[in-house]
């Protein structure tokens, strides 16, 4: 049975109203755009989700790149050690020498042992030398000689050469320390120069009397005539084998004296005087 017409009319109106409401609701629901580009004017885009990761290419601030660091040079560990070693090395010994006139005190020391009235030269013609020399123990000592004033500077040059060459000298004292006794000075292996005395066994003056002769290391360089040896301790060096203090032909000692114009007694035939150097060859 159909509803009355008034009822049908009311039902239709209700359905129409319901359909209109549904349509309006559907048309007013916002749609999420797929891109903000091209969105209609006045239509808001959906805000990004808080959980969504930001677009690093567009939103992340650019971080300046750190400057490239240059590694500092590594310390040279050898440098401090080398510097310390250089400081630990003692300075090389230097040769020193003095030349002076014979003063009052020295004249008293020399008189009447090595000098006396009647000697070939006055004290004013002599000079007192102090000289550095090497020792047999490897050290350095200061010795003394008295020579003629004319040869003083040349003698200094000779002993500077011997010092630089490392040639050792046992002792270098005035013969006055041995009472003017040449034999005692030789026995002590003492290098000496001036001594106002005659040549042994003669009445003529030795070259030492004028301060123009020097005897060097008499034990290692003895005076030899046949089987006679002076000093006696020099007998072990007659064979002339190389050894510290021994003077040999054309060695540094012979060359140094030759450069100063002095001759060597080791070149004599008989006697042979290995210790002796003089300006006259006698």
C-alpha atoms as a PDB file:
ATOM      1  CA  UNK A   1       0.000   0.000   0.000  1.00  0.00           C
ATOM      2  CA  UNK A   2       1.444   3.342  -1.001  1.00  0.00           C
ATOM      3  CA  UNK A   3       1.844   6.103   1.570  1.00  0.00           C
ATOM      4  CA  UNK A   4      -0.482   8.998   1.155  1.00  0.00           C
ATOM      5  CA  UNK A   5       0.697  11.694  -1.183  1.00  0.00           C
ATOM      6  CA  UNK A   6       1.508  14.127   1.613  1.00  0.00           C
ATOM      7  CA  UNK A   7       3.717  11.569   3.216  1.00  0.00           C
ATOM      8  CA  UNK A   8       5.418  10.808  -0.075  1.00  0.00           C
ATOM      9  CA  UNK A   9       6.064  14.479  -0.590  1.00  0.00           C
ATOM     10  CA  UNK A  10       7.641  14.836   2.827  1.00  0.00           C
ATOM     11  CA  UNK A  11       9.847  11.768   2.307  1.00  0.00           C
ATOM     12  CA  UNK A  12      11.115  13.048  -1.018  1.00  0.00           C
ATOM     13  CA  UNK A  13      11.943  16.390   0.501  1.00  0.00           C
ATOM     14  CA  UNK A  14      13.845  14.745   3.303  1.00  0.00           C
ATOM     15  CA  UNK A  15      15.882  12.602   0.876  1.00  0.00           C
ATOM     16  CA  UNK A  16      16.698  15.611  -1.244  1.00  0.00           C
ATOM     17  CA  UNK A  17      17.845  17.565   1.802  1.00  0.00           C
ATOM     18  CA  UNK A  18      19.968  14.636   2.953  1.00  0.00           C
ATOM     19  CA  UNK A  19      21.627  14.279  -0.476  1.00  0.00           C
ATOM     20  CA  UNK A  20      22.381  18.002  -0.601  1.00  0.00           C
ATOM     21  CA  UNK A  21      24.044  17.921   2.810  1.00  0.00           C
ATOM     22  CA  UNK A  22      26.173  14.932   1.862  1.00  0.00           C
ATOM     23  CA  UNK A  23      27.263  16.578  -1.372  1.00  0.00           C
ATOM     24  CA  UNK A  24      28.204  19.805   0.364  1.00  0.00           C
ATOM     25  CA  UNK A  25      30.203  17.949   2.962  1.00  0.00           C
ATOM     26  CA  UNK A  26      32.147  16.064   0.337  1.00  0.00           C
ATOM     27  CA  UNK A  27      32.954  19.162  -1.683  1.00  0.00           C
ATOM     28  CA  UNK A  28      34.237  21.140   1.329  1.00  0.00           C
ATOM     29  CA  UNK A  29      36.776  18.443   2.628  1.00  0.00           C
ATOM     30  CA  UNK A  30      40.345  19.634   1.802  1.00  0.00           C
ATOM     31  CA  UNK A  31      42.566  17.447  -0.356  1.00  0.00           C
ATOM     32  CA  UNK A  32      46.221  17.095   0.402  1.00  0.00           C
ATOM     33  CA  UNK A  33      48.140  18.476  -2.523  1.00  0.00           C
ATOM     34  CA  UNK A  34      50.858  16.415  -4.055  1.00  0.00           C
ATOM     35  CA  UNK A  35      53.044  19.480  -4.441  1.00  0.00           C
ATOM     36  CA  UNK A  36      53.020  23.071  -3.350  1.00  0.00           C
ATOM     37  CA  UNK A  37      53.886  24.100  -6.871  1.00  0.00           C
ATOM     38  CA  UNK A  38      50.793  25.001  -8.851  1.00  0.00           C
ATOM     39  CA  UNK A  39      48.488  25.057  -5.848  1.00  0.00           C
ATOM     40  CA  UNK A  40      45.445  27.244  -6.442  1.00  0.00           C
ATOM     41  CA  UNK A  41      45.654  30.702  -4.998  1.00  0.00           C
ATOM     42  CA  UNK A  42      44.133  30.871  -1.558  1.00  0.00           C
ATOM     43  CA  UNK A  43      44.408  27.131  -0.935  1.00  0.00           C
ATOM     44  CA  UNK A  44      46.673  26.373   2.000  1.00  0.00           C
ATOM     45  CA  UNK A  45      49.075  23.474   1.805  1.00  0.00           C
ATOM     46  CA  UNK A  46      49.332  21.009   4.632  1.00  0.00           C
ATOM     47  CA  UNK A  47      52.098  21.800   7.150  1.00  0.00           C
ATOM     48  CA  UNK A  48      54.892  19.299   7.218  1.00  0.00           C
ATOM     49  CA  UNK A  49      54.762  16.622   9.873  1.00  0.00           C
ATOM     50  CA  UNK A  50      57.104  17.102  12.891  1.00  0.00           C
ATOM     51  CA  UNK A  51      58.285  13.603  12.433  1.00  0.00           C
ATOM     52  CA  UNK A  52      59.190  14.125   8.835  1.00  0.00           C
ATOM     53  CA  UNK A  53      62.927  14.615   8.125  1.00  0.00           C
ATOM     54  CA  UNK A  54      63.743  18.063   6.743  1.00  0.00           C
ATOM     55  CA  UNK A  55      64.944  18.416   3.222  1.00  0.00           C
ATOM     56  CA  UNK A  56      68.694  18.796   3.794  1.00  0.00           C
ATOM     57  CA  UNK A  57      69.204  20.076   0.315  1.00  0.00           C
ATOM     58  CA  UNK A  58      66.966  23.058   0.869  1.00  0.00           C
ATOM     59  CA  UNK A  59      66.513  23.681   4.567  1.00  0.00           C
ATOM     60  CA  UNK A  60      69.738  22.609   6.327  1.00  0.00           C
ATOM     61  CA  UNK A  61      72.143  25.497   6.886  1.00  0.00           C
ATOM     62  CA  UNK A  62      75.429  25.082   5.112  1.00  0.00           C
ATOM     63  CA  UNK A  63      78.354  24.256   7.431  1.00  0.00           C
ATOM     64  CA  UNK A  64      81.642  25.936   6.428  1.00  0.00           C
ATOM     65  CA  UNK A  65      84.311  23.411   5.656  1.00  0.00           C
ATOM     66  CA  UNK A  66      87.120  23.248   8.218  1.00  0.00           C
ATOM     67  CA  UNK A  67      90.429  24.593   6.906  1.00  0.00           C
ATOM     68  CA  UNK A  68      92.904  21.899   6.046  1.00  0.00           C
ATOM     69  CA  UNK A  69      95.447  21.568   8.850  1.00  0.00           C
ATOM     70  CA  UNK A  70      99.170  21.261   8.012  1.00  0.00           C
ATOM     71  CA  UNK A  71     100.931  18.877  10.330  1.00  0.00           C
ATOM     72  CA  UNK A  72     103.754  20.615  12.220  1.00  0.00           C
ATOM     73  CA  UNK A  73     107.246  19.349  11.410  1.00  0.00           C
ATOM     74  CA  UNK A  74     108.426  16.581  13.659  1.00  0.00           C
ATOM     75  CA  UNK A  75     111.189  17.708  16.029  1.00  0.00           C
ATOM     76  CA  UNK A  76     114.702  16.660  15.110  1.00  0.00           C
ATOM     77  CA  UNK A  77     115.650  14.457  18.026  1.00  0.00           C
ATOM     78  CA  UNK A  78     119.266  14.326  16.859  1.00  0.00           C
ATOM     79  CA  UNK A  79     119.737  18.116  17.038  1.00  0.00           C
ATOM     80  CA  UNK A  80     119.751  18.440  20.870  1.00  0.00           C
ATOM     81  CA  UNK A  81     122.034  15.425  21.154  1.00  0.00           C
ATOM     82  CA  UNK A  82     124.448  16.886  18.622  1.00  0.00           C
ATOM     83  CA  UNK A  83     124.444  20.229  20.431  1.00  0.00           C
ATOM     84  CA  UNK A  84     125.097  18.530  23.765  1.00  0.00           C
ATOM     85  CA  UNK A  85     127.919  16.509  22.251  1.00  0.00           C
ATOM     86  CA  UNK A  86     129.475  19.664  20.825  1.00  0.00           C
ATOM     87  CA  UNK A  87     129.338  21.332  24.224  1.00  0.00           C
ATOM     88  CA  UNK A  88     130.884  18.252  25.847  1.00  0.00           C
ATOM     89  CA  UNK A  89     133.944  18.327  23.555  1.00  0.00           C
ATOM     90  CA  UNK A  90     136.692  20.286  25.310  1.00  0.00           C
ATOM     91  CA  UNK A  91     138.275  23.085  23.318  1.00  0.00           C
ATOM     92  CA  UNK A  92     141.390  22.219  21.386  1.00  0.00           C
ATOM     93  CA  UNK A  93     144.530  23.226  23.344  1.00  0.00           C
ATOM     94  CA  UNK A  94     146.196  26.301  21.939  1.00  0.00           C
ATOM     95  CA  UNK A  95     149.915  26.880  21.603  1.00  0.00           C
ATOM     96  CA  UNK A  96     151.208  29.847  23.579  1.00  0.00           C
ATOM     97  CA  UNK A  97     154.658  31.393  23.804  1.00  0.00           C
ATOM     98  CA  UNK A  98     156.368  34.424  25.286  1.00  0.00           C
ATOM     99  CA  UNK A  99     159.722  36.053  24.543  1.00  0.00           C
ATOM    100  CA  UNK A 100     161.343  38.378  27.052  1.00  0.00           C
ATOM    101  CA  UNK A 101     164.692  39.835  27.989  1.00  0.00           C
ATOM    102  CA  UNK A 102     166.731  38.383  30.837  1.00  0.00           C
ATOM    103  CA  UNK A 103     165.494  40.205  33.937  1.00  0.00           C
ATOM    104  CA  UNK A 104     167.216  40.604  37.296  1.00  0.00           C
ATOM    105  CA  UNK A 105     165.633  37.551  38.900  1.00  0.00           C
ATOM    106  CA  UNK A 106     166.404  35.296  35.946  1.00  0.00           C
ATOM    107  CA  UNK A 107     169.982  36.598  35.746  1.00  0.00           C
ATOM    108  CA  UNK A 108     170.451  35.637  39.402  1.00  0.00           C
ATOM    109  CA  UNK A 109     169.027  32.182  38.667  1.00  0.00           C
ATOM    110  CA  UNK A 110     171.433  31.658  35.742  1.00  0.00           C
ATOM    111  CA  UNK A 111     174.575  32.973  37.465  1.00  0.00           C
ATOM    112  CA  UNK A 112     177.012  31.285  37.859  1.00  0.00           C
ATOM    113  CA  UNK A 113     175.477  27.973  36.710  1.00  0.00           C
ATOM    114  CA  UNK A 114     174.684  28.427  33.010  1.00  0.00           C
ATOM    115  CA  UNK A 115     176.204  31.892  32.592  1.00  0.00           C
ATOM    116  CA  UNK A 116     179.266  33.620  34.087  1.00  0.00           C
ATOM    117  CA  UNK A 117     181.699  36.346  33.209  1.00  0.00           C
ATOM    118  CA  UNK A 118     183.788  35.365  30.212  1.00  0.00           C
ATOM    119  CA  UNK A 119     180.952  33.579  28.328  1.00  0.00           C
ATOM    120  CA  UNK A 120     180.792  34.263  24.554  1.00  0.00           C
ATOM    121  CA  UNK A 121     177.575  36.330  24.863  1.00  0.00           C
ATOM    122  CA  UNK A 122     176.336  38.826  27.436  1.00  0.00           C
ATOM    123  CA  UNK A 123     172.989  38.244  29.131  1.00  0.00           C
ATOM    124  CA  UNK A 124     171.560  41.172  27.159  1.00  0.00           C
ATOM    125  CA  UNK A 125     171.973  39.127  23.942  1.00  0.00           C
ATOM    126  CA  UNK A 126     169.853  36.284  25.310  1.00  0.00           C
ATOM    127  CA  UNK A 127     166.080  35.860  25.474  1.00  0.00           C
ATOM    128  CA  UNK A 128     163.902  33.858  27.846  1.00  0.00           C
ATOM    129  CA  UNK A 129     161.170  31.812  26.133  1.00  0.00           C
ATOM    130  CA  UNK A 130     158.120  30.083  27.568  1.00  0.00           C
ATOM    131  CA  UNK A 131     156.581  27.555  25.210  1.00  0.00           C
ATOM    132  CA  UNK A 132     153.611  25.179  25.201  1.00  0.00           C
ATOM    133  CA  UNK A 133     154.513  21.580  24.433  1.00  0.00           C
ATOM    134  CA  UNK A 134     152.816  18.199  24.322  1.00  0.00           C
ATOM    135  CA  UNK A 135     153.617  15.663  27.009  1.00  0.00           C
ATOM    136  CA  UNK A 136     154.186  11.922  26.682  1.00  0.00           C
ATOM    137  CA  UNK A 137     150.979  11.418  28.664  1.00  0.00           C
ATOM    138  CA  UNK A 138     148.915  13.280  26.052  1.00  0.00           C
ATOM    139  CA  UNK A 139     148.604  16.529  27.973  1.00  0.00           C
ATOM    140  CA  UNK A 140     149.978  20.020  27.525  1.00  0.00           C
ATOM    141  CA  UNK A 141     152.661  21.700  29.620  1.00  0.00           C
ATOM    142  CA  UNK A 142     154.622  24.941  29.539  1.00  0.00           C
ATOM    143  CA  UNK A 143     158.379  24.733  29.228  1.00  0.00           C
ATOM    144  CA  UNK A 144     161.208  27.255  29.185  1.00  0.00           C
ATOM    145  CA  UNK A 145     164.340  27.859  27.137  1.00  0.00           C
ATOM    146  CA  UNK A 146     167.029  30.520  26.901  1.00  0.00           C
ATOM    147  CA  UNK A 147     168.285  31.224  23.366  1.00  0.00           C
ATOM    148  CA  UNK A 148     170.071  33.982  21.497  1.00  0.00           C
ATOM    149  CA  UNK A 149     167.892  37.003  20.708  1.00  0.00           C
ATOM    150  CA  UNK A 150     168.580  36.582  16.982  1.00  0.00           C
ATOM    151  CA  UNK A 151     166.893  33.167  16.841  1.00  0.00           C
ATOM    152  CA  UNK A 152     164.115  33.578  19.421  1.00  0.00           C
ATOM    153  CA  UNK A 153     161.257  34.114  16.988  1.00  0.00           C
ATOM    154  CA  UNK A 154     162.351  31.232  14.774  1.00  0.00           C
ATOM    155  CA  UNK A 155     162.564  28.906  17.770  1.00  0.00           C
ATOM    156  CA  UNK A 156     158.988  29.834  18.703  1.00  0.00           C
ATOM    157  CA  UNK A 157     157.884  28.871  15.181  1.00  0.00           C
ATOM    158  CA  UNK A 158     159.692  25.537  15.437  1.00  0.00           C
ATOM    159  CA  UNK A 159     158.021  24.584  18.684  1.00  0.00           C
ATOM    160  CA  UNK A 160     154.631  25.747  17.450  1.00  0.00           C
ATOM    161  CA  UNK A 161     155.035  23.299  14.570  1.00  0.00           C
ATOM    162  CA  UNK A 162     155.995  20.494  16.965  1.00  0.00           C
ATOM    163  CA  UNK A 163     153.018  21.321  19.191  1.00  0.00           C
ATOM    164  CA  UNK A 164     150.583  21.250  16.274  1.00  0.00           C
ATOM    165  CA  UNK A 165     152.062  17.948  15.103  1.00  0.00           C
ATOM    166  CA  UNK A 166     151.559  16.390  18.544  1.00  0.00           C
ATOM    167  CA  UNK A 167     155.264  15.723  19.073  1.00  0.00           C
ATOM    168  CA  UNK A 168     155.829  15.046  22.812  1.00  0.00           C
ATOM    169  CA  UNK A 169     158.575  16.544  24.971  1.00  0.00           C
ATOM    170  CA  UNK A 170     159.471  14.962  28.308  1.00  0.00           C
ATOM    171  CA  UNK A 171     160.805  18.038  30.071  1.00  0.00           C
ATOM    172  CA  UNK A 172     161.772  21.585  29.107  1.00  0.00           C
ATOM    173  CA  UNK A 173     163.585  23.348  31.946  1.00  0.00           C
ATOM    174  CA  UNK A 174     166.610  25.587  32.159  1.00  0.00           C
ATOM    175  CA  UNK A 175     169.828  23.680  32.709  1.00  0.00           C
ATOM    176  CA  UNK A 176     170.236  25.799  35.859  1.00  0.00           C
ATOM    177  CA  UNK A 177     167.707  23.479  37.533  1.00  0.00           C
ATOM    178  CA  UNK A 178     170.379  20.793  37.199  1.00  0.00           C
ATOM    179  CA  UNK A 179     173.247  22.955  38.463  1.00  0.00           C
ATOM    180  CA  UNK A 180     174.395  23.658  34.905  1.00  0.00           C
ATOM    181  CA  UNK A 181     175.384  19.972  34.618  1.00  0.00           C
ATOM    182  CA  UNK A 182     174.726  18.800  31.054  1.00  0.00           C
ATOM    183  CA  UNK A 183     174.939  15.106  31.998  1.00  0.00           C
ATOM    184  CA  UNK A 184     172.297  15.528  34.723  1.00  0.00           C
ATOM    185  CA  UNK A 185     170.024  17.416  32.339  1.00  0.00           C
ATOM    186  CA  UNK A 186     170.344  14.671  29.702  1.00  0.00           C
ATOM    187  CA  UNK A 187     169.712  11.913  32.244  1.00  0.00           C
ATOM    188  CA  UNK A 188     166.427  13.660  33.142  1.00  0.00           C
ATOM    189  CA  UNK A 189     165.456  13.609  29.429  1.00  0.00           C
ATOM    190  CA  UNK A 190     165.402  17.392  29.575  1.00  0.00           C
ATOM    191  CA  UNK A 191     165.190  19.548  26.453  1.00  0.00           C
ATOM    192  CA  UNK A 192     167.471  22.565  26.893  1.00  0.00           C
ATOM    193  CA  UNK A 193     169.291  25.269  24.961  1.00  0.00           C
ATOM    194  CA  UNK A 194     171.695  27.828  26.430  1.00  0.00           C
ATOM    195  CA  UNK A 195     174.521  26.558  28.631  1.00  0.00           C
ATOM    196  CA  UNK A 196     177.878  28.287  28.669  1.00  0.00           C
ATOM    197  CA  UNK A 197     180.160  25.268  28.498  1.00  0.00           C
ATOM    198  CA  UNK A 198     182.891  23.832  26.269  1.00  0.00           C
ATOM    199  CA  UNK A 199     182.383  20.898  23.921  1.00  0.00           C
ATOM    200  CA  UNK A 200     183.035  17.727  25.943  1.00  0.00           C
ATOM    201  CA  UNK A 201     186.719  16.777  25.860  1.00  0.00           C
ATOM    202  CA  UNK A 202     187.802  20.069  24.219  1.00  0.00           C
ATOM    203  CA  UNK A 203     188.585  23.644  25.167  1.00  0.00           C
ATOM    204  CA  UNK A 204     186.319  25.264  22.581  1.00  0.00           C
ATOM    205  CA  UNK A 205     182.912  26.669  23.301  1.00  0.00           C
ATOM    206  CA  UNK A 206     179.848  24.594  22.514  1.00  0.00           C
ATOM    207  CA  UNK A 207     177.182  26.135  20.285  1.00  0.00           C
ATOM    208  CA  UNK A 208     174.995  26.036  23.392  1.00  0.00           C
ATOM    209  CA  UNK A 209     177.297  28.733  24.832  1.00  0.00           C
ATOM    210  CA  UNK A 210     175.913  31.277  22.387  1.00  0.00           C
ATOM    211  CA  UNK A 211     172.290  30.144  22.662  1.00  0.00           C
ATOM    212  CA  UNK A 212     172.259  28.811  19.109  1.00  0.00           C
ATOM    213  CA  UNK A 213     171.814  25.102  19.842  1.00  0.00           C
ATOM    214  CA  UNK A 214     169.006  22.982  21.357  1.00  0.00           C
ATOM    215  CA  UNK A 215     169.006  19.371  22.575  1.00  0.00           C
ATOM    216  CA  UNK A 216     165.619  17.653  22.266  1.00  0.00           C
ATOM    217  CA  UNK A 217     164.556  14.590  24.312  1.00  0.00           C
ATOM    218  CA  UNK A 218     168.111  13.317  25.006  1.00  0.00           C
ATOM    219  CA  UNK A 219     167.079   9.847  26.227  1.00  0.00           C
ATOM    220  CA  UNK A 220     165.079   9.028  23.081  1.00  0.00           C
ATOM    221  CA  UNK A 221     167.767  10.763  20.970  1.00  0.00           C
ATOM    222  CA  UNK A 222     171.171   9.977  22.502  1.00  0.00           C
ATOM    223  CA  UNK A 223     174.688  11.020  21.598  1.00  0.00           C
ATOM    224  CA  UNK A 224     176.484   7.969  20.152  1.00  0.00           C
ATOM    225  CA  UNK A 225     180.157   7.281  19.374  1.00  0.00           C
ATOM    226  CA  UNK A 226     180.948   3.643  18.769  1.00  0.00           C
ATOM    227  CA  UNK A 227     179.657   1.843  21.868  1.00  0.00           C
ATOM    228  CA  UNK A 228     179.559   5.002  23.977  1.00  0.00           C
ATOM    229  CA  UNK A 229     176.042   6.349  24.557  1.00  0.00           C
ATOM    230  CA  UNK A 230     175.017   9.482  26.437  1.00  0.00           C
ATOM    231  CA  UNK A 231     172.901   9.533  28.418  1.00  0.00           C
ATOM    232  CA  UNK A 232     173.215   5.828  29.334  1.00  0.00           C
ATOM    233  CA  UNK A 233     169.407   5.473  29.378  1.00  0.00           C
ATOM    234  CA  UNK A 234     169.484   6.211  25.660  1.00  0.00           C
ATOM    235  CA  UNK A 235     171.058   2.819  24.873  1.00  0.00           C
ATOM    236  CA  UNK A 236     167.607   1.399  24.209  1.00  0.00           C
ATOM    237  CA  UNK A 237     167.090   3.931  21.407  1.00  0.00           C
ATOM    238  CA  UNK A 238     170.334   3.475  19.475  1.00  0.00           C
ATOM    239  CA  UNK A 239     168.558   1.204  16.953  1.00  0.00           C
ATOM    240  CA  UNK A 240     166.368   4.211  15.989  1.00  0.00           C
ATOM    241  CA  UNK A 241     163.054   2.439  15.802  1.00  0.00           C
ATOM    242  CA  UNK A 242     159.978   4.709  15.547  1.00  0.00           C
ATOM    243  CA  UNK A 243     158.630   5.567  19.001  1.00  0.00           C
ATOM    244  CA  UNK A 244     157.176   8.623  20.748  1.00  0.00           C
ATOM    245  CA  UNK A 245     159.835  11.343  21.044  1.00  0.00           C
ATOM    246  CA  UNK A 246     162.306   9.608  18.719  1.00  0.00           C
ATOM    247  CA  UNK A 247     163.634  11.895  15.967  1.00  0.00           C
ATOM    248  CA  UNK A 248     164.079  10.262  12.569  1.00  0.00           C
ATOM    249  CA  UNK A 249     165.431  11.551   9.233  1.00  0.00           C
ATOM    250  CA  UNK A 250     163.034  13.935   7.473  1.00  0.00           C
ATOM    251  CA  UNK A 251     160.414  13.727  10.195  1.00  0.00           C
ATOM    252  CA  UNK A 252     158.428  16.697  11.492  1.00  0.00           C
ATOM    253  CA  UNK A 253     161.151  17.709  13.975  1.00  0.00           C
ATOM    254  CA  UNK A 254     163.969  17.684  11.407  1.00  0.00           C
ATOM    255  CA  UNK A 255     161.815  19.539   8.869  1.00  0.00           C
ATOM    256  CA  UNK A 256     160.710  22.169  11.389  1.00  0.00           C
ATOM    257  CA  UNK A 257     164.292  22.994  12.399  1.00  0.00           C
ATOM    258  CA  UNK A 258     165.469  22.878   8.779  1.00  0.00           C
ATOM    259  CA  UNK A 259     162.788  25.445   7.871  1.00  0.00           C
ATOM    260  CA  UNK A 260     164.388  27.768  10.439  1.00  0.00           C
ATOM    261  CA  UNK A 261     167.862  27.161   8.973  1.00  0.00           C
ATOM    262  CA  UNK A 262     169.063  24.754  11.687  1.00  0.00           C
ATOM    263  CA  UNK A 263     171.022  21.524  11.103  1.00  0.00           C
ATOM    264  CA  UNK A 264     170.551  18.134  12.796  1.00  0.00           C
ATOM    265  CA  UNK A 265     173.364  16.262  14.592  1.00  0.00           C
ATOM    266  CA  UNK A 266     171.653  12.979  13.667  1.00  0.00           C
ATOM    267  CA  UNK A 267     173.085  13.405  10.171  1.00  0.00           C
ATOM    268  CA  UNK A 268     176.682  13.448  11.434  1.00  0.00           C
ATOM    269  CA  UNK A 269     178.925  10.457  10.798  1.00  0.00           C
ATOM    270  CA  UNK A 270     180.757  10.301  14.137  1.00  0.00           C
ATOM    271  CA  UNK A 271     179.794  11.108  16.718  1.00  0.00           C
ATOM    272  CA  UNK A 272     176.093  11.042  15.928  1.00  0.00           C
ATOM    273  CA  UNK A 273     174.118  13.415  18.127  1.00  0.00           C
ATOM    274  CA  UNK A 274     170.441  12.634  17.566  1.00  0.00           C
ATOM    275  CA  UNK A 275     169.236  15.183  20.123  1.00  0.00           C
ATOM    276  CA  UNK A 276     171.240  18.126  18.802  1.00  0.00           C
ATOM    277  CA  UNK A 277     170.141  20.984  16.496  1.00  0.00           C
ATOM    278  CA  UNK A 278     172.198  24.120  15.798  1.00  0.00           C
ATOM    279  CA  UNK A 279     172.379  27.089  13.477  1.00  0.00           C
ATOM    280  CA  UNK A 280     175.978  26.352  12.439  1.00  0.00           C
ATOM    281  CA  UNK A 281     175.802  22.594  11.989  1.00  0.00           C
ATOM    282  CA  UNK A 282     178.292  22.083  14.843  1.00  0.00           C
END
